[in-house]
PDB file of all heavy atoms in Angstrom:
ATOM      1  N   PRO A   1       0.841  -1.204   0.000  1.00  0.00           N
ATOM      2  CA  PRO A   1       0.000   0.000   0.000  1.00  0.00           C
ATOM      3  C   PRO A   1       0.869   1.243   0.000  1.00  0.00           C
ATOM      4  O   PRO A   1       2.043   1.206   0.348  1.00  0.00           O
ATOM      5  CB  PRO A   1      -0.786  -0.125   1.317  1.00  0.00           C
ATOM      6  CG  PRO A   1      -0.710  -1.567   1.676  1.00  0.00           C
ATOM      7  CD  PRO A   1       0.610  -2.052   1.170  1.00  0.00           C
ATOM      8  N   TRP A   2       0.255   2.374  -0.383  1.00  0.00           N
ATOM      9  CA  TRP A   2       0.978   3.643  -0.491  1.00  0.00           C
ATOM     10  C   TRP A   2       1.732   3.938   0.809  1.00  0.00           C
ATOM     11  O   TRP A   2       1.158   4.045   1.881  1.00  0.00           O
ATOM     12  CB  TRP A   2      -0.024   4.772  -0.755  1.00  0.00           C
ATOM     13  CG  TRP A   2       0.638   6.087  -1.053  1.00  0.00           C
ATOM     14  CD1 TRP A   2       1.235   6.917  -0.179  1.00  0.00           C
ATOM     15  CD2 TRP A   2       0.740   6.700  -2.336  1.00  0.00           C
ATOM     16  NE1 TRP A   2       1.722   8.016  -0.810  1.00  0.00           N
ATOM     17  CE2 TRP A   2       1.435   7.920  -2.138  1.00  0.00           C
ATOM     18  CE3 TRP A   2       0.326   6.357  -3.610  1.00  0.00           C
ATOM     19  CZ2 TRP A   2       1.706   8.790  -3.188  1.00  0.00           C
ATOM     20  CZ3 TRP A   2       0.605   7.225  -4.643  1.00  0.00           C
ATOM     21  CH2 TRP A   2       1.287   8.423  -4.442  1.00  0.00           C
ATOM     22  N   GLY A   3       3.062   4.040   0.694  1.00  0.00           N
ATOM     23  CA  GLY A   3       3.884   4.462   1.823  1.00  0.00           C
ATOM     24  C   GLY A   3       4.281   3.368   2.773  1.00  0.00           C
ATOM     25  O   GLY A   3       5.207   3.555   3.559  1.00  0.00           O
ATOM     26  N   GLU A   4       3.636   2.220   2.738  1.00  0.00           N
ATOM     27  CA  GLU A   4       3.923   1.184   3.726  1.00  0.00           C
ATOM     28  C   GLU A   4       5.305   0.584   3.493  1.00  0.00           C
ATOM     29  O   GLU A   4       5.637   0.168   2.390  1.00  0.00           O
ATOM     30  CB  GLU A   4       2.879   0.071   3.650  1.00  0.00           C
ATOM     31  CG  GLU A   4       3.098  -1.026   4.700  1.00  0.00           C
ATOM     32  CD  GLU A   4       2.029  -2.108   4.608  1.00  0.00           C
ATOM     33  OE1 GLU A   4       0.838  -1.740   4.609  1.00  0.00           O
ATOM     34  OE2 GLU A   4       2.384  -3.287   4.516  1.00  0.00           O
ATOM     35  N   GLY A   5       6.102   0.554   4.524  1.00  0.00           N
ATOM     36  CA  GLY A   5       7.404  -0.075   4.444  1.00  0.00           C
ATOM     37  C   GLY A   5       8.468   0.744   3.757  1.00  0.00           C
ATOM     38  O   GLY A   5       9.576   0.253   3.559  1.00  0.00           O
ATOM     39  N   LEU A   6       8.144   1.969   3.377  1.00  0.00           N
ATOM     40  CA  LEU A   6       9.146   2.781   2.704  1.00  0.00           C
ATOM     41  C   LEU A   6      10.256   3.164   3.678  1.00  0.00           C
ATOM     42  O   LEU A   6      10.005   3.639   4.785  1.00  0.00           O
ATOM     43  CB  LEU A   6       8.517   4.052   2.130  1.00  0.00           C
ATOM     44  CG  LEU A   6       7.657   3.890   0.880  1.00  0.00           C
ATOM     45  CD1 LEU A   6       7.036   5.231   0.504  1.00  0.00           C
ATOM     46  CD2 LEU A   6       8.484   3.356  -0.274  1.00  0.00           C
ATOM     47  N   ARG A   7      11.459   3.000   3.247  1.00  0.00           N
ATOM     48  CA  ARG A   7      12.616   3.347   4.064  1.00  0.00           C
ATOM     49  C   ARG A   7      12.610   4.826   4.430  1.00  0.00           C
ATOM     50  O   ARG A   7      12.977   5.205   5.555  1.00  0.00           O
ATOM     51  CB  ARG A   7      13.880   2.983   3.289  1.00  0.00           C
ATOM     52  CG  ARG A   7      15.189   3.203   4.000  1.00  0.00           C
ATOM     53  CD  ARG A   7      16.331   2.669   3.147  1.00  0.00           C
ATOM     54  NE  ARG A   7      17.633   2.907   3.769  1.00  0.00           N
ATOM     55  CZ  ARG A   7      18.355   4.001   3.615  1.00  0.00           C
ATOM     56  NH1 ARG A   7      17.904   4.981   2.841  1.00  0.00           N
ATOM     57  NH2 ARG A   7      19.530   4.128   4.221  1.00  0.00           N
ATOM     58  N   SER A   8      12.185   5.675   3.512  1.00  0.00           N
ATOM     59  CA  SER A   8      12.190   7.118   3.755  1.00  0.00           C
ATOM     60  C   SER A   8      11.257   7.521   4.895  1.00  0.00           C
ATOM     61  O   SER A   8      11.433   8.590   5.499  1.00  0.00           O
ATOM     62  CB  SER A   8      11.789   7.870   2.488  1.00  0.00           C
ATOM     63  OG  SER A   8      10.513   7.473   2.030  1.00  0.00           O
ATOM     64  N   GLN A   9      10.273   6.688   5.197  1.00  0.00           N
ATOM     65  CA  GLN A   9       9.342   7.039   6.266  1.00  0.00           C
ATOM     66  C   GLN A   9       9.963   6.958   7.652  1.00  0.00           C
ATOM     67  O   GLN A   9       9.408   7.487   8.622  1.00  0.00           O
ATOM     68  CB  GLN A   9       8.095   6.159   6.175  1.00  0.00           C
ATOM     69  CG  GLN A   9       7.149   6.555   5.050  1.00  0.00           C
ATOM     70  CD  GLN A   9       6.681   7.993   5.178  1.00  0.00           C
ATOM     71  OE1 GLN A   9       5.956   8.327   6.109  1.00  0.00           O
ATOM     72  NE2 GLN A   9       7.104   8.846   4.246  1.00  0.00           N
ATOM     73  N   VAL A  10      11.128   6.274   7.754  1.00  0.00           N
ATOM     74  CA  VAL A  10      11.865   6.316   9.018  1.00  0.00           C
ATOM     75  C   VAL A  10      12.249   7.758   9.336  1.00  0.00           C
ATOM     76  O   VAL A  10      12.301   8.165  10.500  1.00  0.00           O
ATOM     77  CB  VAL A  10      13.117   5.413   8.945  1.00  0.00           C
ATOM     78  CG1 VAL A  10      13.952   5.527  10.217  1.00  0.00           C
ATOM     79  CG2 VAL A  10      12.716   3.975   8.690  1.00  0.00           C
ATOM     80  N   TRP A  11      12.515   8.546   8.309  1.00  0.00           N
ATOM     81  CA  TRP A  11      12.828   9.964   8.467  1.00  0.00           C
ATOM     82  C   TRP A  11      11.553  10.811   8.520  1.00  0.00           C
ATOM     83  O   TRP A  11      11.347  11.573   9.459  1.00  0.00           O
ATOM     84  CB  TRP A  11      13.677  10.456   7.305  1.00  0.00           C
ATOM     85  CG  TRP A  11      15.126  10.138   7.337  1.00  0.00           C
ATOM     86  CD1 TRP A  11      16.139  10.965   7.738  1.00  0.00           C
ATOM     87  CD2 TRP A  11      15.759   8.926   6.910  1.00  0.00           C
ATOM     88  NE1 TRP A  11      17.356  10.346   7.593  1.00  0.00           N
ATOM     89  CE2 TRP A  11      17.152   9.099   7.085  1.00  0.00           C
ATOM     90  CE3 TRP A  11      15.286   7.718   6.397  1.00  0.00           C
ATOM     91  CZ2 TRP A  11      18.077   8.098   6.765  1.00  0.00           C
ATOM     92  CZ3 TRP A  11      16.189   6.720   6.080  1.00  0.00           C
ATOM     93  CH2 TRP A  11      17.566   6.913   6.268  1.00  0.00           C
ATOM     94  N   PHE A  12      10.709  10.675   7.505  1.00  0.00           N
ATOM     95  CA  PHE A  12       9.612  11.615   7.317  1.00  0.00           C
ATOM     96  C   PHE A  12       8.322  11.219   8.028  1.00  0.00           C
ATOM     97  O   PHE A  12       7.430  12.056   8.196  1.00  0.00           O
ATOM     98  CB  PHE A  12       9.339  11.801   5.825  1.00  0.00           C
ATOM     99  CG  PHE A  12      10.500  12.358   5.063  1.00  0.00           C
ATOM    100  CD1 PHE A  12      10.878  11.821   3.842  1.00  0.00           C
ATOM    101  CD2 PHE A  12      11.223  13.422   5.566  1.00  0.00           C
ATOM    102  CE1 PHE A  12      11.960  12.330   3.134  1.00  0.00           C
ATOM    103  CE2 PHE A  12      12.304  13.944   4.863  1.00  0.00           C
ATOM    104  CZ  PHE A  12      12.678  13.396   3.652  1.00  0.00           C
ATOM    105  N   GLY A  13       8.207   9.983   8.430  1.00  0.00           N
ATOM    106  CA  GLY A  13       6.965   9.527   9.060  1.00  0.00           C
ATOM    107  C   GLY A  13       6.956   9.653  10.563  1.00  0.00           C
ATOM    108  O   GLY A  13       5.944   9.355  11.207  1.00  0.00           O
ATOM    109  N   ASP A  14       8.048  10.063  11.142  1.00  0.00           N
ATOM    110  CA  ASP A  14       8.141  10.190  12.597  1.00  0.00           C
ATOM    111  C   ASP A  14       7.320  11.392  13.063  1.00  0.00           C
ATOM    112  O   ASP A  14       7.518  12.513  12.592  1.00  0.00           O
ATOM    113  CB  ASP A  14       9.608  10.370  13.002  1.00  0.00           C
ATOM    114  CG  ASP A  14       9.820  10.293  14.501  1.00  0.00           C
ATOM    115  OD1 ASP A  14       9.252  11.140  15.218  1.00  0.00           O
ATOM    116  OD2 ASP A  14      10.565   9.400  14.942  1.00  0.00           O
ATOM    117  N   PRO A  15       6.370  11.189  13.994  1.00  0.00           N
ATOM    118  CA  PRO A  15       5.514  12.308  14.422  1.00  0.00           C
ATOM    119  C   PRO A  15       6.180  13.231  15.426  1.00  0.00           C
ATOM    120  O   PRO A  15       5.645  14.301  15.732  1.00  0.00           O
ATOM    121  CB  PRO A  15       4.319  11.591  15.063  1.00  0.00           C
ATOM    122  CG  PRO A  15       4.896  10.315  15.591  1.00  0.00           C
ATOM    123  CD  PRO A  15       5.963   9.914  14.617  1.00  0.00           C
ATOM    124  N   GLY A  16       7.347  12.847  15.924  1.00  0.00           N
ATOM    125  CA  GLY A  16       7.982  13.624  16.979  1.00  0.00           C
ATOM    126  C   GLY A  16       8.989  14.632  16.474  1.00  0.00           C
ATOM    127  O   GLY A  16       8.943  15.092  15.332  1.00  0.00           O
ATOM    128  N   LYS A  17       9.980  14.909  17.356  1.00  0.00           N
ATOM    129  CA  LYS A  17      10.952  15.957  17.084  1.00  0.00           C
ATOM    130  C   LYS A  17      11.785  15.674  15.838  1.00  0.00           C
ATOM    131  O   LYS A  17      12.036  16.580  15.024  1.00  0.00           O
ATOM    132  CB  LYS A  17      11.872  16.104  18.290  1.00  0.00           C
ATOM    133  CG  LYS A  17      12.990  17.113  18.103  1.00  0.00           C
ATOM    134  CD  LYS A  17      13.842  17.254  19.356  1.00  0.00           C
ATOM    135  CE  LYS A  17      14.572  15.946  19.658  1.00  0.00           C
ATOM    136  NZ  LYS A  17      15.483  16.089  20.829  1.00  0.00           N
ATOM    137  N   THR A  18      12.226  14.424  15.675  1.00  0.00           N
ATOM    138  CA  THR A  18      13.108  14.138  14.541  1.00  0.00           C
ATOM    139  C   THR A  18      12.371  14.287  13.220  1.00  0.00           C
ATOM    140  O   THR A  18      12.914  14.836  12.258  1.00  0.00           O
ATOM    141  CB  THR A  18      13.695  12.723  14.656  1.00  0.00           C
ATOM    142  OG1 THR A  18      12.634  11.769  14.746  1.00  0.00           O
ATOM    143  CG2 THR A  18      14.601  12.599  15.869  1.00  0.00           C
ATOM    144  N   GLY A  19      11.120  13.802  13.163  1.00  0.00           N
ATOM    145  CA  GLY A  19      10.345  13.974  11.939  1.00  0.00           C
ATOM    146  C   GLY A  19      10.101  15.444  11.636  1.00  0.00           C
ATOM    147  O   GLY A  19      10.180  15.884  10.473  1.00  0.00           O
ATOM    148  N   PHE A  20       9.832  16.216  12.694  1.00  0.00           N
ATOM    149  CA  PHE A  20       9.643  17.658  12.532  1.00  0.00           C
ATOM    150  C   PHE A  20      10.866  18.279  11.859  1.00  0.00           C
ATOM    151  O   PHE A  20      10.750  19.078  10.915  1.00  0.00           O
ATOM    152  CB  PHE A  20       9.416  18.264  13.920  1.00  0.00           C
ATOM    153  CG  PHE A  20       9.240  19.751  13.925  1.00  0.00           C
ATOM    154  CD1 PHE A  20       7.979  20.322  14.036  1.00  0.00           C
ATOM    155  CD2 PHE A  20      10.351  20.612  13.839  1.00  0.00           C
ATOM    156  CE1 PHE A  20       7.811  21.693  14.044  1.00  0.00           C
ATOM    157  CE2 PHE A  20      10.188  21.985  13.847  1.00  0.00           C
ATOM    158  CZ  PHE A  20       8.925  22.525  13.954  1.00  0.00           C
ATOM    159  N   MET A  21      12.050  17.918  12.343  1.00  0.00           N
ATOM    160  CA  MET A  21      13.270  18.505  11.800  1.00  0.00           C
ATOM    161  C   MET A  21      13.495  18.092  10.349  1.00  0.00           C
ATOM    162  O   MET A  21      13.813  18.924   9.496  1.00  0.00           O
ATOM    163  CB  MET A  21      14.466  18.090  12.661  1.00  0.00           C
ATOM    164  CG  MET A  21      14.440  18.653  14.067  1.00  0.00           C
ATOM    165  SD  MET A  21      15.921  18.230  15.004  1.00  0.00           S
ATOM    166  CE  MET A  21      17.161  19.155  14.135  1.00  0.00           C
ATOM    167  N   HIS A  22      13.341  16.803  10.051  1.00  0.00           N
ATOM    168  CA  HIS A  22      13.569  16.334   8.687  1.00  0.00           C
ATOM    169  C   HIS A  22      12.637  17.027   7.705  1.00  0.00           C
ATOM    170  O   HIS A  22      13.059  17.470   6.629  1.00  0.00           O
ATOM    171  CB  HIS A  22      13.358  14.813   8.606  1.00  0.00           C
ATOM    172  CG  HIS A  22      14.329  14.019   9.419  1.00  0.00           C
ATOM    173  ND1 HIS A  22      15.661  14.299   9.479  1.00  0.00           N
ATOM    174  CD2 HIS A  22      14.145  12.914  10.197  1.00  0.00           C
ATOM    175  CE1 HIS A  22      16.275  13.427  10.256  1.00  0.00           C
ATOM    176  NE2 HIS A  22      15.363  12.573  10.713  1.00  0.00           N
ATOM    177  N   ARG A  23      11.353  17.123   8.068  1.00  0.00           N
ATOM    178  CA  ARG A  23      10.382  17.714   7.147  1.00  0.00           C
ATOM    179  C   ARG A  23      10.566  19.228   7.042  1.00  0.00           C
ATOM    180  O   ARG A  23      10.511  19.811   5.959  1.00  0.00           O
ATOM    181  CB  ARG A  23       8.966  17.375   7.607  1.00  0.00           C
ATOM    182  CG  ARG A  23       8.613  15.892   7.551  1.00  0.00           C
ATOM    183  CD  ARG A  23       7.143  15.652   7.888  1.00  0.00           C
ATOM    184  NE  ARG A  23       6.805  16.090   9.242  1.00  0.00           N
ATOM    185  CZ  ARG A  23       6.844  15.312  10.329  1.00  0.00           C
ATOM    186  NH1 ARG A  23       7.250  14.047  10.225  1.00  0.00           N
ATOM    187  NH2 ARG A  23       6.502  15.778  11.514  1.00  0.00           N
ATOM    188  N   SER A  24      10.815  19.858   8.176  1.00  0.00           N
ATOM    189  CA  SER A  24      10.863  21.315   8.213  1.00  0.00           C
ATOM    190  C   SER A  24      11.984  21.865   7.344  1.00  0.00           C
ATOM    191  O   SER A  24      11.761  22.798   6.545  1.00  0.00           O
ATOM    192  CB  SER A  24      11.038  21.784   9.662  1.00  0.00           C
ATOM    193  OG  SER A  24      11.126  23.193   9.709  1.00  0.00           O
ATOM    194  N   TRP A  25      13.162  21.317   7.472  1.00  0.00           N
ATOM    195  CA  TRP A  25      14.276  21.872   6.709  1.00  0.00           C
ATOM    196  C   TRP A  25      14.094  21.667   5.209  1.00  0.00           C
ATOM    197  O   TRP A  25      14.489  22.505   4.417  1.00  0.00           O
ATOM    198  CB  TRP A  25      15.592  21.243   7.180  1.00  0.00           C
ATOM    199  CG  TRP A  25      16.338  22.147   8.126  1.00  0.00           C
ATOM    200  CD1 TRP A  25      17.312  23.036   7.800  1.00  0.00           C
ATOM    201  CD2 TRP A  25      16.137  22.273   9.532  1.00  0.00           C
ATOM    202  NE1 TRP A  25      17.756  23.703   8.929  1.00  0.00           N
ATOM    203  CE2 TRP A  25      17.049  23.247  10.012  1.00  0.00           C
ATOM    204  CE3 TRP A  25      15.274  21.654  10.456  1.00  0.00           C
ATOM    205  CZ2 TRP A  25      17.127  23.618  11.352  1.00  0.00           C
ATOM    206  CZ3 TRP A  25      15.350  22.014  11.785  1.00  0.00           C
ATOM    207  CH2 TRP A  25      16.267  22.988  12.219  1.00  0.00           C
ATOM    208  N   LEU A  26      13.467  20.567   4.807  1.00  0.00           N
ATOM    209  CA  LEU A  26      13.258  20.347   3.373  1.00  0.00           C
ATOM    210  C   LEU A  26      12.179  21.260   2.808  1.00  0.00           C
ATOM    211  O   LEU A  26      12.127  21.478   1.595  1.00  0.00           O
ATOM    212  CB  LEU A  26      12.903  18.882   3.107  1.00  0.00           C
ATOM    213  CG  LEU A  26      14.099  17.925   3.042  1.00  0.00           C
ATOM    214  CD1 LEU A  26      13.643  16.500   2.775  1.00  0.00           C
ATOM    215  CD2 LEU A  26      15.086  18.344   1.954  1.00  0.00           C
ATOM    216  N   ARG A  27      11.322  21.806   3.661  1.00  0.00           N
ATOM    217  CA  ARG A  27      10.315  22.741   3.157  1.00  0.00           C
ATOM    218  C   ARG A  27      10.984  23.998   2.578  1.00  0.00           C
ATOM    219  O   ARG A  27      10.380  24.716   1.773  1.00  0.00           O
ATOM    220  CB  ARG A  27       9.340  23.122   4.268  1.00  0.00           C
ATOM    221  CG  ARG A  27       8.405  21.988   4.659  1.00  0.00           C
ATOM    222  CD  ARG A  27       7.481  22.413   5.790  1.00  0.00           C
ATOM    223  NE  ARG A  27       6.733  21.278   6.303  1.00  0.00           N
ATOM    224  CZ  ARG A  27       5.570  20.858   5.821  1.00  0.00           C
ATOM    225  NH1 ARG A  27       5.030  21.497   4.791  1.00  0.00           N
ATOM    226  NH2 ARG A  27       4.944  19.839   6.348  1.00  0.00           N
ATOM    227  N   SER A  28      12.228  24.257   2.964  1.00  0.00           N
ATOM    228  CA  SER A  28      12.928  25.414   2.409  1.00  0.00           C
ATOM    229  C   SER A  28      13.183  25.254   0.918  1.00  0.00           C
ATOM    230  O   SER A  28      13.477  26.229   0.222  1.00  0.00           O
ATOM    231  CB  SER A  28      14.261  25.618   3.138  1.00  0.00           C
ATOM    232  OG  SER A  28      15.168  24.567   2.834  1.00  0.00           O
ATOM    233  N   GLU A  29      13.058  24.022   0.398  1.00  0.00           N
ATOM    234  CA  GLU A  29      13.225  23.778  -1.032  1.00  0.00           C
ATOM    235  C   GLU A  29      11.927  23.940  -1.803  1.00  0.00           C
ATOM    236  O   GLU A  29      11.875  23.690  -3.002  1.00  0.00           O
ATOM    237  CB  GLU A  29      13.800  22.374  -1.255  1.00  0.00           C
ATOM    238  CG  GLU A  29      15.183  22.186  -0.631  1.00  0.00           C
ATOM    239  CD  GLU A  29      15.797  20.835  -0.940  1.00  0.00           C
ATOM    240  OE1 GLU A  29      15.314  20.163  -1.884  1.00  0.00           O
ATOM    241  OE2 GLU A  29      16.763  20.464  -0.256  1.00  0.00           O
TER     242      GLU A  29
END
């Protein structure tokens, strides 16, 4: 299914502080 098991979700799927940081900095692009 969409997104299930994707390696990248270890970075972007985290609801806490680390996910916030990974997503936030890439929004600058």
